[in-house]
Amino acid sequence: MDNRAYEKYKQENPDVYTPLSTYDYLEWFVQEMTAVELVVCGVAIVLAVYAIYKLFLKLKDKHTDDPDA
């Protein structure tokens, strides 16, 4: 950009800094969840519990197979 094109561009497209107080209507936590969101969260929780259960069984079996114990 030459011939003061950048200055012209900045005049036509000024930087807009929106203060955070503008977004007061946004909520941190959702008050109501749709059925799909509930199903997705439920499946994620079930998978996490299953993974922890399998990890626990794997560690338990590792200790019982130890011949030196």
N, C-alpha and C. Protein backbone atom coordinates (compact mmCIF):
# COMPACT_ATOMS: atom_id res chain seq x y z
N MET A 1 0.85 -1.18 0.00
CA MET A 1 0.00 0.00 0.00
C MET A 1 0.89 1.24 0.00
N ASP A 2 0.72 2.00 -1.00
CA ASP A 2 1.51 3.21 -1.09
C ASP A 2 0.58 4.39 -1.33
N ASN A 3 1.15 5.55 -1.44
CA ASN A 3 0.39 6.79 -1.66
C ASN A 3 -0.67 7.00 -0.57
N ARG A 4 -0.27 6.75 0.67
CA ARG A 4 -1.13 6.95 1.83
C ARG A 4 -2.42 6.11 1.77
N ALA A 5 -2.32 4.97 1.11
CA ALA A 5 -3.49 4.08 1.01
C ALA A 5 -3.83 3.50 2.38
N TYR A 6 -2.79 3.23 3.20
CA TYR A 6 -3.06 2.68 4.52
C TYR A 6 -3.81 3.68 5.39
N GLU A 7 -3.42 4.95 5.35
CA GLU A 7 -4.12 5.97 6.14
C GLU A 7 -5.58 6.10 5.68
N LYS A 8 -5.78 6.02 4.37
CA LYS A 8 -7.13 6.09 3.84
C LYS A 8 -7.94 4.86 4.29
N TYR A 9 -7.30 3.71 4.24
CA TYR A 9 -7.96 2.49 4.68
C TYR A 9 -8.35 2.58 6.16
N LYS A 10 -7.44 3.08 7.00
CA LYS A 10 -7.73 3.20 8.44
C LYS A 10 -8.85 4.20 8.71
N GLN A 11 -8.96 5.24 7.90
CA GLN A 11 -10.06 6.19 8.06
C GLN A 11 -11.39 5.56 7.67
N GLU A 12 -11.38 4.75 6.63
CA GLU A 12 -12.61 4.11 6.19
C GLU A 12 -13.00 2.92 7.07
N ASN A 13 -12.02 2.27 7.69
CA ASN A 13 -12.25 1.07 8.50
C ASN A 13 -11.56 1.24 9.86
N PRO A 14 -12.12 2.03 10.73
CA PRO A 14 -11.46 2.24 12.02
C PRO A 14 -11.53 0.99 12.90
N ASP A 15 -10.57 0.88 13.81
CA ASP A 15 -10.58 -0.22 14.77
C ASP A 15 -11.73 0.00 15.74
N VAL A 16 -12.42 -1.07 16.03
CA VAL A 16 -13.54 -0.98 16.96
C VAL A 16 -13.19 -1.86 18.16
N TYR A 17 -13.06 -1.23 19.30
CA TYR A 17 -12.79 -1.95 20.54
C TYR A 17 -14.06 -1.92 21.37
N THR A 18 -14.74 -3.04 21.42
CA THR A 18 -16.00 -3.13 22.14
C THR A 18 -15.70 -3.51 23.59
N PRO A 19 -16.13 -2.71 24.53
CA PRO A 19 -15.90 -3.07 25.94
C PRO A 19 -16.69 -4.32 26.32
N LEU A 20 -16.17 -5.06 27.29
CA LEU A 20 -16.82 -6.29 27.71
C LEU A 20 -18.20 -6.05 28.33
N SER A 21 -18.42 -4.86 28.85
CA SER A 21 -19.72 -4.57 29.44
C SER A 21 -20.84 -4.59 28.41
N THR A 22 -20.48 -4.54 27.14
CA THR A 22 -21.48 -4.61 26.08
C THR A 22 -22.13 -5.98 26.06
N TYR A 23 -21.41 -6.99 26.52
CA TYR A 23 -21.89 -8.37 26.44
C TYR A 23 -22.49 -8.85 27.76
N ASP A 24 -23.16 -7.97 28.49
CA ASP A 24 -23.75 -8.36 29.76
C ASP A 24 -24.88 -9.36 29.60
N TYR A 25 -25.48 -9.42 28.42
CA TYR A 25 -26.59 -10.33 28.21
C TYR A 25 -26.15 -11.79 28.11
N LEU A 26 -24.86 -12.05 27.92
CA LEU A 26 -24.37 -13.42 27.83
C LEU A 26 -24.35 -14.06 29.21
N GLU A 27 -24.73 -15.32 29.28
CA GLU A 27 -24.75 -16.04 30.54
C GLU A 27 -23.60 -17.04 30.57
N TRP A 28 -23.04 -17.24 31.74
CA TRP A 28 -21.94 -18.19 31.90
C TRP A 28 -22.44 -19.62 31.81
N PHE A 29 -23.60 -19.89 32.40
CA PHE A 29 -24.14 -21.23 32.44
C PHE A 29 -25.50 -21.27 31.76
N VAL A 30 -25.76 -22.32 31.02
CA VAL A 30 -27.02 -22.47 30.33
C VAL A 30 -28.08 -22.93 31.33
N GLN A 31 -29.23 -22.30 31.30
CA GLN A 31 -30.29 -22.66 32.23
C GLN A 31 -31.06 -23.89 31.76
N GLU A 32 -31.24 -24.02 30.47
CA GLU A 32 -31.97 -25.16 29.91
C GLU A 32 -31.14 -25.78 28.80
N MET A 33 -31.13 -27.11 28.78
CA MET A 33 -30.39 -27.83 27.74
C MET A 33 -31.39 -28.58 26.86
N THR A 34 -31.07 -28.68 25.58
CA THR A 34 -31.93 -29.43 24.67
C THR A 34 -31.72 -30.92 24.88
N ALA A 35 -32.59 -31.72 24.31
CA ALA A 35 -32.49 -33.18 24.46
C ALA A 35 -31.19 -33.70 23.86
N VAL A 36 -30.77 -33.13 22.74
CA VAL A 36 -29.53 -33.58 22.10
C VAL A 36 -28.33 -33.28 22.99
N GLU A 37 -28.32 -32.10 23.59
CA GLU A 37 -27.21 -31.75 24.49
C GLU A 37 -27.18 -32.67 25.70
N LEU A 38 -28.34 -33.02 26.24
CA LEU A 38 -28.39 -33.94 27.37
C LEU A 38 -27.88 -35.33 26.98
N VAL A 39 -28.24 -35.79 25.80
CA VAL A 39 -27.78 -37.10 25.33
C VAL A 39 -26.27 -37.09 25.14
N VAL A 40 -25.74 -36.04 24.53
CA VAL A 40 -24.29 -35.95 24.30
C VAL A 40 -23.54 -35.93 25.63
N CYS A 41 -24.02 -35.16 26.59
CA CYS A 41 -23.38 -35.12 27.91
C CYS A 41 -23.49 -36.47 28.61
N GLY A 42 -24.63 -37.10 28.50
CA GLY A 42 -24.82 -38.41 29.12
C GLY A 42 -23.88 -39.46 28.54
N VAL A 43 -23.75 -39.48 27.22
CA VAL A 43 -22.84 -40.43 26.57
C VAL A 43 -21.40 -40.15 26.97
N ALA A 44 -21.02 -38.89 27.06
CA ALA A 44 -19.65 -38.54 27.46
C ALA A 44 -19.37 -39.00 28.89
N ILE A 45 -20.34 -38.84 29.77
CA ILE A 45 -20.16 -39.28 31.16
C ILE A 45 -20.05 -40.79 31.23
N VAL A 46 -20.91 -41.50 30.50
CA VAL A 46 -20.87 -42.97 30.50
C VAL A 46 -19.53 -43.46 29.96
N LEU A 47 -19.04 -42.86 28.89
CA LEU A 47 -17.74 -43.26 28.33
C LEU A 47 -16.60 -42.99 29.31
N ALA A 48 -16.67 -41.87 30.01
CA ALA A 48 -15.62 -41.55 30.99
C ALA A 48 -15.63 -42.56 32.14
N VAL A 49 -16.81 -42.90 32.63
CA VAL A 49 -16.91 -43.88 33.72
C VAL A 49 -16.41 -45.24 33.24
N TYR A 50 -16.77 -45.63 32.02
CA TYR A 50 -16.32 -46.90 31.47
C TYR A 50 -14.80 -46.93 31.33
N ALA A 51 -14.22 -45.84 30.86
CA ALA A 51 -12.76 -45.78 30.71
C ALA A 51 -12.06 -45.90 32.06
N ILE A 52 -12.59 -45.23 33.07
CA ILE A 52 -11.99 -45.32 34.42
C ILE A 52 -12.13 -46.74 34.96
N TYR A 53 -13.28 -47.37 34.72
CA TYR A 53 -13.52 -48.75 35.16
C TYR A 53 -12.52 -49.70 34.50
N LYS A 54 -12.34 -49.58 33.17
CA LYS A 54 -11.40 -50.44 32.47
C LYS A 54 -9.96 -50.21 32.94
N LEU A 55 -9.61 -48.96 33.21
CA LEU A 55 -8.28 -48.66 33.72
C LEU A 55 -8.08 -49.28 35.09
N PHE A 56 -9.09 -49.21 35.93
CA PHE A 56 -9.01 -49.80 37.26
C PHE A 56 -8.84 -51.31 37.16
N LEU A 57 -9.59 -51.97 36.28
CA LEU A 57 -9.46 -53.41 36.11
C LEU A 57 -8.09 -53.79 35.58
N LYS A 58 -7.56 -52.99 34.67
CA LYS A 58 -6.24 -53.27 34.10
C LYS A 58 -5.16 -53.17 35.18
N LEU A 59 -5.25 -52.16 36.02
CA LEU A 59 -4.27 -52.01 37.10
C LEU A 59 -4.42 -53.12 38.14
N LYS A 60 -5.65 -53.52 38.41
CA LYS A 60 -5.90 -54.58 39.40
C LYS A 60 -5.35 -55.91 38.88
N ASP A 61 -5.58 -56.24 37.61
CA ASP A 61 -5.07 -57.48 37.04
C ASP A 61 -3.56 -57.49 36.96
N LYS A 62 -2.96 -56.35 36.78
CA LYS A 62 -1.50 -56.26 36.70
C LYS A 62 -0.87 -56.65 38.04
N HIS A 63 -1.49 -56.24 39.15
CA HIS A 63 -0.96 -56.55 40.47
C HIS A 63 -1.17 -58.01 40.82
N THR A 64 -2.24 -58.65 40.40
CA THR A 64 -2.50 -60.05 40.76
C THR A 64 -1.67 -61.00 39.91
N ASP A 65 -1.20 -60.61 38.73
CA ASP A 65 -0.39 -61.48 37.87
C ASP A 65 1.10 -61.43 38.23
N ASP A 66 1.47 -60.59 39.15
CA ASP A 66 2.87 -60.43 39.52
C ASP A 66 3.32 -61.66 40.32
N PRO A 67 4.26 -62.51 39.78
CA PRO A 67 4.67 -63.72 40.50
C PRO A 67 5.52 -63.44 41.73
N ASP A 68 6.15 -62.28 41.81
CA ASP A 68 7.02 -61.97 42.95
C ASP A 68 6.23 -61.50 44.17
N ALA A 69 4.95 -61.25 44.02
CA ALA A 69 4.16 -60.67 45.10
C ALA A 69 3.82 -61.64 46.16
